[in-house]
Amino acid sequence: QVQLVESGGGLVQAGGSLRLSCAASGRTFSNYAMGWFRQAPGAEREFVASIGRIGTNTYYTESMKGRFTISRDNAKNTVYLQMNSLKPEDTAVYYCAARLWPYSVRAGVPSTYDYWGQGTQVTVSS
């Protein structure tokens, strides 16, 4: 089992930045590719980004590339999502997830992830 706990969400004005963190415990963190998803009210869960096991390879949803950056620190068992130039449409609950699949293979498919955090709310005001 892998336990994932997100933090860092909150209320921010449009144009602002937030850095989300996801702390993992349980099995060996570096065995897992990690992903971030988000879900707005009434919407399906949406893929944001994924990162490979050692952190050198990343993959993004095209619309978020350039504004969001995923990274990881295996020594701290933590994955991050740096979000810049936030827009009201970025408002959602953000989830991190872990999987044994490679970071880019069907990265946007939630069912390919084995473990999920409880989510952290991000609200962007206009």
N, C-alpha and C. Protein backbone atom coordinates (compact mmCIF):
# COMPACT_ATOMS: atom_id res chain seq x y z
N GLN A 1 0.83 -1.20 0.00
CA GLN A 1 0.00 0.00 0.00
C GLN A 1 0.87 1.25 0.00
N VAL A 2 0.38 2.25 -0.68
CA VAL A 2 1.01 3.57 -0.68
C VAL A 2 -0.02 4.57 -0.20
N GLN A 3 0.34 5.36 0.77
CA GLN A 3 -0.55 6.42 1.24
C GLN A 3 -0.05 7.74 0.69
N LEU A 4 -0.98 8.52 0.17
CA LEU A 4 -0.65 9.81 -0.44
C LEU A 4 -1.44 10.91 0.24
N VAL A 5 -0.76 11.97 0.61
CA VAL A 5 -1.42 13.10 1.27
C VAL A 5 -1.02 14.39 0.58
N GLU A 6 -2.00 15.05 -0.02
CA GLU A 6 -1.76 16.32 -0.70
C GLU A 6 -1.86 17.49 0.28
N SER A 7 -1.17 18.55 -0.04
CA SER A 7 -1.26 19.78 0.72
C SER A 7 -0.88 20.94 -0.20
N GLY A 8 -1.14 22.14 0.29
CA GLY A 8 -0.72 23.32 -0.45
C GLY A 8 -1.82 24.03 -1.21
N GLY A 9 -3.01 23.47 -1.20
CA GLY A 9 -4.12 24.14 -1.87
C GLY A 9 -4.57 25.36 -1.09
N GLY A 10 -5.47 26.12 -1.70
CA GLY A 10 -5.99 27.30 -1.04
C GLY A 10 -6.65 28.24 -2.01
N LEU A 11 -6.87 29.46 -1.55
CA LEU A 11 -7.50 30.49 -2.35
C LEU A 11 -6.43 31.45 -2.86
N VAL A 12 -6.44 31.70 -4.15
CA VAL A 12 -5.45 32.59 -4.75
C VAL A 12 -6.14 33.43 -5.82
N GLN A 13 -5.64 34.62 -6.03
CA GLN A 13 -6.19 35.47 -7.09
C GLN A 13 -5.67 35.03 -8.45
N ALA A 14 -6.44 35.34 -9.46
CA ALA A 14 -6.01 35.05 -10.83
C ALA A 14 -4.64 35.68 -11.09
N GLY A 15 -3.79 34.92 -11.75
CA GLY A 15 -2.43 35.37 -12.01
C GLY A 15 -1.44 34.94 -10.95
N GLY A 16 -1.94 34.46 -9.84
CA GLY A 16 -1.08 34.04 -8.76
C GLY A 16 -0.53 32.64 -8.95
N SER A 17 0.20 32.17 -7.93
CA SER A 17 0.86 30.87 -7.98
C SER A 17 0.58 30.08 -6.71
N LEU A 18 0.63 28.78 -6.87
CA LEU A 18 0.56 27.86 -5.73
C LEU A 18 1.49 26.69 -6.01
N ARG A 19 2.03 26.10 -4.97
CA ARG A 19 2.77 24.86 -5.11
C ARG A 19 2.10 23.79 -4.27
N LEU A 20 1.63 22.77 -4.94
CA LEU A 20 1.04 21.63 -4.25
C LEU A 20 2.11 20.60 -3.96
N SER A 21 1.94 19.93 -2.84
CA SER A 21 2.83 18.84 -2.46
C SER A 21 2.01 17.59 -2.24
N CYS A 22 2.64 16.46 -2.46
CA CYS A 22 2.01 15.17 -2.21
C CYS A 22 3.05 14.29 -1.53
N ALA A 23 2.83 14.01 -0.28
CA ALA A 23 3.76 13.19 0.50
C ALA A 23 3.31 11.74 0.47
N ALA A 24 4.25 10.86 0.17
CA ALA A 24 3.94 9.44 0.07
C ALA A 24 4.57 8.68 1.22
N SER A 25 3.90 7.63 1.63
CA SER A 25 4.44 6.71 2.63
C SER A 25 3.99 5.30 2.28
N GLY A 26 4.69 4.35 2.85
CA GLY A 26 4.35 2.97 2.56
C GLY A 26 5.46 2.32 1.75
N ARG A 27 5.14 1.90 0.56
CA ARG A 27 6.11 1.21 -0.27
C ARG A 27 7.11 2.19 -0.88
N THR A 28 8.12 1.66 -1.54
CA THR A 28 9.22 2.45 -2.07
C THR A 28 8.71 3.46 -3.09
N PHE A 29 8.82 4.72 -2.73
CA PHE A 29 8.27 5.80 -3.56
C PHE A 29 8.86 5.80 -4.95
N SER A 30 10.14 5.54 -5.07
CA SER A 30 10.80 5.63 -6.37
C SER A 30 10.42 4.50 -7.33
N ASN A 31 9.64 3.56 -6.87
CA ASN A 31 9.13 2.51 -7.76
C ASN A 31 7.95 2.98 -8.60
N TYR A 32 7.39 4.13 -8.23
CA TYR A 32 6.13 4.57 -8.82
C TYR A 32 6.29 5.82 -9.67
N ALA A 33 5.68 5.79 -10.85
CA ALA A 33 5.44 7.02 -11.57
C ALA A 33 4.31 7.75 -10.86
N MET A 34 4.33 9.06 -10.91
CA MET A 34 3.34 9.86 -10.20
C MET A 34 2.60 10.77 -11.15
N GLY A 35 1.36 11.03 -10.80
CA GLY A 35 0.56 11.93 -11.63
C GLY A 35 -0.25 12.88 -10.79
N TRP A 36 -0.63 13.98 -11.41
CA TRP A 36 -1.58 14.93 -10.82
C TRP A 36 -2.81 14.99 -11.72
N PHE A 37 -3.96 14.98 -11.09
CA PHE A 37 -5.24 15.14 -11.75
C PHE A 37 -6.00 16.25 -11.04
N ARG A 38 -7.05 16.70 -11.68
CA ARG A 38 -7.93 17.65 -11.01
C ARG A 38 -9.37 17.37 -11.41
N GLN A 39 -10.27 17.81 -10.55
CA GLN A 39 -11.68 17.60 -10.81
C GLN A 39 -12.47 18.80 -10.32
N ALA A 40 -13.11 19.45 -11.26
CA ALA A 40 -13.99 20.57 -10.95
C ALA A 40 -15.39 20.05 -10.68
N PRO A 41 -16.21 20.81 -9.97
CA PRO A 41 -17.58 20.36 -9.69
C PRO A 41 -18.34 20.03 -10.97
N GLY A 42 -18.95 18.86 -10.99
CA GLY A 42 -19.75 18.46 -12.14
C GLY A 42 -18.95 18.00 -13.34
N ALA A 43 -17.64 17.96 -13.21
CA ALA A 43 -16.79 17.58 -14.34
C ALA A 43 -16.09 16.26 -14.06
N GLU A 44 -15.57 15.66 -15.12
CA GLU A 44 -14.80 14.43 -14.95
C GLU A 44 -13.39 14.76 -14.44
N ARG A 45 -12.76 13.77 -13.88
CA ARG A 45 -11.39 13.95 -13.42
C ARG A 45 -10.49 14.16 -14.64
N GLU A 46 -9.65 15.18 -14.57
CA GLU A 46 -8.85 15.62 -15.70
C GLU A 46 -7.37 15.44 -15.39
N PHE A 47 -6.65 14.87 -16.33
CA PHE A 47 -5.21 14.69 -16.17
C PHE A 47 -4.49 16.03 -16.27
N VAL A 48 -3.51 16.23 -15.38
CA VAL A 48 -2.71 17.46 -15.40
C VAL A 48 -1.29 17.16 -15.86
N ALA A 49 -0.60 16.26 -15.17
CA ALA A 49 0.80 15.98 -15.48
C ALA A 49 1.22 14.67 -14.84
N SER A 50 2.29 14.09 -15.37
CA SER A 50 2.88 12.90 -14.76
C SER A 50 4.39 13.01 -14.81
N ILE A 51 5.03 12.21 -13.99
CA ILE A 51 6.49 12.23 -13.90
C ILE A 51 6.99 10.82 -13.68
N GLY A 52 8.13 10.52 -14.31
CA GLY A 52 8.70 9.20 -14.19
C GLY A 52 9.32 8.95 -12.83
N ARG A 53 9.81 7.73 -12.67
CA ARG A 53 10.27 7.28 -11.35
C ARG A 53 11.44 8.08 -10.81
N ILE A 54 12.36 8.50 -11.67
CA ILE A 54 13.52 9.23 -11.16
C ILE A 54 13.41 10.72 -11.41
N GLY A 55 12.34 11.16 -12.04
CA GLY A 55 12.05 12.58 -12.15
C GLY A 55 12.59 13.28 -13.37
N THR A 56 13.22 12.55 -14.26
CA THR A 56 13.80 13.22 -15.43
C THR A 56 12.82 13.34 -16.59
N ASN A 57 11.77 12.56 -16.55
CA ASN A 57 10.79 12.58 -17.64
C ASN A 57 9.44 13.06 -17.12
N THR A 58 8.85 13.98 -17.84
CA THR A 58 7.56 14.53 -17.47
C THR A 58 6.63 14.56 -18.68
N TYR A 59 5.37 14.65 -18.39
CA TYR A 59 4.34 14.63 -19.44
C TYR A 59 3.20 15.49 -18.96
N TYR A 60 2.68 16.36 -19.84
CA TYR A 60 1.66 17.32 -19.45
C TYR A 60 0.49 17.30 -20.41
N THR A 61 -0.66 17.64 -19.88
CA THR A 61 -1.76 18.03 -20.75
C THR A 61 -1.34 19.31 -21.47
N GLU A 62 -1.57 19.35 -22.75
CA GLU A 62 -1.07 20.44 -23.58
C GLU A 62 -1.48 21.81 -23.05
N SER A 63 -2.70 21.94 -22.59
CA SER A 63 -3.21 23.25 -22.17
C SER A 63 -2.54 23.77 -20.91
N MET A 64 -1.87 22.90 -20.17
CA MET A 64 -1.22 23.31 -18.93
C MET A 64 0.29 23.41 -19.06
N LYS A 65 0.79 22.96 -20.17
CA LYS A 65 2.22 23.02 -20.39
C LYS A 65 2.67 24.48 -20.39
N GLY A 66 3.73 24.76 -19.65
CA GLY A 66 4.24 26.12 -19.58
C GLY A 66 3.76 26.88 -18.35
N ARG A 67 2.61 26.51 -17.82
CA ARG A 67 2.12 27.14 -16.59
C ARG A 67 2.34 26.26 -15.38
N PHE A 68 2.23 24.94 -15.58
CA PHE A 68 2.37 23.99 -14.48
C PHE A 68 3.67 23.20 -14.64
N THR A 69 4.29 22.90 -13.52
CA THR A 69 5.52 22.10 -13.54
C THR A 69 5.43 21.02 -12.47
N ILE A 70 5.61 19.79 -12.90
CA ILE A 70 5.63 18.67 -11.96
C ILE A 70 7.08 18.32 -11.66
N SER A 71 7.35 17.97 -10.42
CA SER A 71 8.69 17.56 -10.02
C SER A 71 8.55 16.59 -8.84
N ARG A 72 9.65 15.95 -8.51
CA ARG A 72 9.62 15.03 -7.38
C ARG A 72 10.96 15.04 -6.68
N ASP A 73 10.92 14.69 -5.41
CA ASP A 73 12.11 14.54 -4.59
C ASP A 73 12.00 13.17 -3.93
N ASN A 74 12.72 12.20 -4.47
CA ASN A 74 12.59 10.84 -3.95
C ASN A 74 13.18 10.71 -2.55
N ALA A 75 14.12 11.57 -2.20
CA ALA A 75 14.67 11.54 -0.85
C ALA A 75 13.62 11.96 0.18
N LYS A 76 12.67 12.78 -0.25
CA LYS A 76 11.61 13.25 0.64
C LYS A 76 10.28 12.55 0.39
N ASN A 77 10.28 11.61 -0.55
CA ASN A 77 9.04 10.87 -0.88
C ASN A 77 7.91 11.83 -1.22
N THR A 78 8.23 12.84 -2.01
CA THR A 78 7.25 13.89 -2.29
C THR A 78 7.26 14.25 -3.76
N VAL A 79 6.07 14.48 -4.29
CA VAL A 79 5.92 15.00 -5.63
C VAL A 79 5.25 16.37 -5.52
N TYR A 80 5.62 17.27 -6.41
CA TYR A 80 5.14 18.65 -6.37
C TYR A 80 4.44 19.03 -7.66
N LEU A 81 3.58 20.02 -7.55
CA LEU A 81 3.00 20.64 -8.74
C LEU A 81 3.06 22.15 -8.53
N GLN A 82 3.95 22.78 -9.26
CA GLN A 82 4.05 24.23 -9.24
C GLN A 82 3.09 24.79 -10.26
N MET A 83 2.20 25.65 -9.82
CA MET A 83 1.18 26.21 -10.70
C MET A 83 1.34 27.73 -10.74
N ASN A 84 1.58 28.25 -11.92
CA ASN A 84 1.77 29.69 -12.12
C ASN A 84 0.68 30.24 -13.04
N SER A 85 0.54 31.55 -13.01
CA SER A 85 -0.44 32.22 -13.87
C SER A 85 -1.81 31.56 -13.77
N LEU A 86 -2.24 31.36 -12.57
CA LEU A 86 -3.49 30.64 -12.35
C LEU A 86 -4.69 31.42 -12.87
N LYS A 87 -5.67 30.66 -13.34
CA LYS A 87 -6.89 31.21 -13.92
C LYS A 87 -8.09 30.68 -13.14
N PRO A 88 -9.19 31.39 -13.16
CA PRO A 88 -10.38 30.88 -12.46
C PRO A 88 -10.77 29.47 -12.91
N GLU A 89 -10.54 29.14 -14.15
CA GLU A 89 -10.89 27.80 -14.64
C GLU A 89 -9.97 26.71 -14.10
N ASP A 90 -8.92 27.10 -13.39
CA ASP A 90 -8.07 26.10 -12.73
C ASP A 90 -8.66 25.67 -11.39
N THR A 91 -9.74 26.29 -10.98
CA THR A 91 -10.39 25.93 -9.73
C THR A 91 -10.87 24.49 -9.78
N ALA A 92 -10.42 23.70 -8.81
CA ALA A 92 -10.75 22.27 -8.78
C ALA A 92 -10.15 21.66 -7.52
N VAL A 93 -10.52 20.42 -7.27
CA VAL A 93 -9.80 19.61 -6.30
C VAL A 93 -8.68 18.91 -7.06
N TYR A 94 -7.48 19.03 -6.53
CA TYR A 94 -6.31 18.44 -7.17
C TYR A 94 -5.89 17.18 -6.41
N TYR A 95 -5.67 16.13 -7.18
CA TYR A 95 -5.31 14.83 -6.62
C TYR A 95 -3.95 14.38 -7.14
N CYS A 96 -3.18 13.75 -6.29
CA CYS A 96 -2.00 13.06 -6.78
C CYS A 96 -2.30 11.56 -6.78
N ALA A 97 -1.56 10.86 -7.62
CA ALA A 97 -1.79 9.44 -7.79
C ALA A 97 -0.48 8.76 -8.12
N ALA A 98 -0.40 7.48 -7.79
CA ALA A 98 0.81 6.69 -8.02
C ALA A 98 0.48 5.44 -8.82
N ARG A 99 1.42 5.05 -9.69
CA ARG A 99 1.18 3.84 -10.44
C ARG A 99 2.50 3.19 -10.80
N LEU A 100 2.41 1.90 -11.12
CA LEU A 100 3.58 1.13 -11.53
C LEU A 100 3.79 1.18 -13.04
N TRP A 101 2.83 1.70 -13.78
CA TRP A 101 2.99 1.86 -15.22
C TRP A 101 4.07 2.91 -15.50
N PRO A 102 4.68 2.88 -16.67
CA PRO A 102 5.57 3.98 -17.06
C PRO A 102 4.84 5.32 -17.07
N TYR A 103 5.58 6.40 -16.91
CA TYR A 103 4.97 7.70 -16.65
C TYR A 103 4.10 8.20 -17.80
N SER A 104 4.37 7.79 -19.03
CA SER A 104 3.67 8.39 -20.17
C SER A 104 2.66 7.46 -20.83
N VAL A 105 2.73 6.19 -20.56
CA VAL A 105 1.82 5.24 -21.19
C VAL A 105 0.42 5.41 -20.58
N ARG A 106 -0.51 5.86 -21.40
CA ARG A 106 -1.89 6.10 -20.96
C ARG A 106 -1.91 6.91 -19.68
N ALA A 107 -1.06 7.92 -19.61
CA ALA A 107 -0.89 8.70 -18.39
C ALA A 107 -2.17 9.39 -17.94
N GLY A 108 -3.03 9.70 -18.89
CA GLY A 108 -4.24 10.43 -18.56
C GLY A 108 -5.41 9.58 -18.16
N VAL A 109 -5.20 8.29 -18.02
CA VAL A 109 -6.29 7.37 -17.70
C VAL A 109 -6.27 7.08 -16.20
N PRO A 110 -7.24 7.58 -15.47
CA PRO A 110 -7.23 7.40 -14.00
C PRO A 110 -7.17 5.95 -13.56
N SER A 111 -7.79 5.06 -14.30
CA SER A 111 -7.84 3.65 -13.88
C SER A 111 -6.47 2.97 -13.93
N THR A 112 -5.48 3.61 -14.55
CA THR A 112 -4.14 3.01 -14.59
C THR A 112 -3.32 3.36 -13.35
N TYR A 113 -3.88 4.16 -12.47
CA TYR A 113 -3.20 4.53 -11.23
C TYR A 113 -3.69 3.64 -10.10
N ASP A 114 -2.73 3.26 -9.27
CA ASP A 114 -3.03 2.29 -8.22
C ASP A 114 -3.44 2.94 -6.90
N TYR A 115 -2.91 4.13 -6.64
CA TYR A 115 -3.17 4.78 -5.35
C TYR A 115 -3.48 6.25 -5.58
N TRP A 116 -4.36 6.77 -4.73
CA TRP A 116 -4.81 8.16 -4.83
C TRP A 116 -4.77 8.83 -3.45
N GLY A 117 -4.50 10.12 -3.49
CA GLY A 117 -4.65 10.92 -2.30
C GLY A 117 -6.09 11.39 -2.14
N GLN A 118 -6.33 12.14 -1.07
CA GLN A 118 -7.69 12.58 -0.78
C GLN A 118 -8.03 13.89 -1.49
N GLY A 119 -7.04 14.55 -2.03
CA GLY A 119 -7.27 15.78 -2.79
C GLY A 119 -7.07 17.03 -1.95
N THR A 120 -6.75 18.11 -2.63
CA THR A 120 -6.62 19.41 -2.00
C THR A 120 -7.32 20.45 -2.89
N GLN A 121 -8.09 21.32 -2.26
CA GLN A 121 -8.90 22.28 -3.01
C GLN A 121 -8.05 23.48 -3.44
N VAL A 122 -8.15 23.82 -4.70
CA VAL A 122 -7.55 25.04 -5.23
C VAL A 122 -8.68 25.91 -5.78
N THR A 123 -8.75 27.12 -5.28
CA THR A 123 -9.76 28.06 -5.75
C THR A 123 -9.07 29.32 -6.25
N VAL A 124 -9.36 29.68 -7.49
CA VAL A 124 -8.76 30.86 -8.10
C VAL A 124 -9.86 31.89 -8.32
N SER A 125 -9.71 33.03 -7.68
CA SER A 125 -10.72 34.08 -7.80
C SER A 125 -10.34 35.04 -8.93
N SER A 126 -11.36 35.60 -9.55
CA SER A 126 -11.13 36.52 -10.67
C SER A 126 -10.99 37.96 -10.21
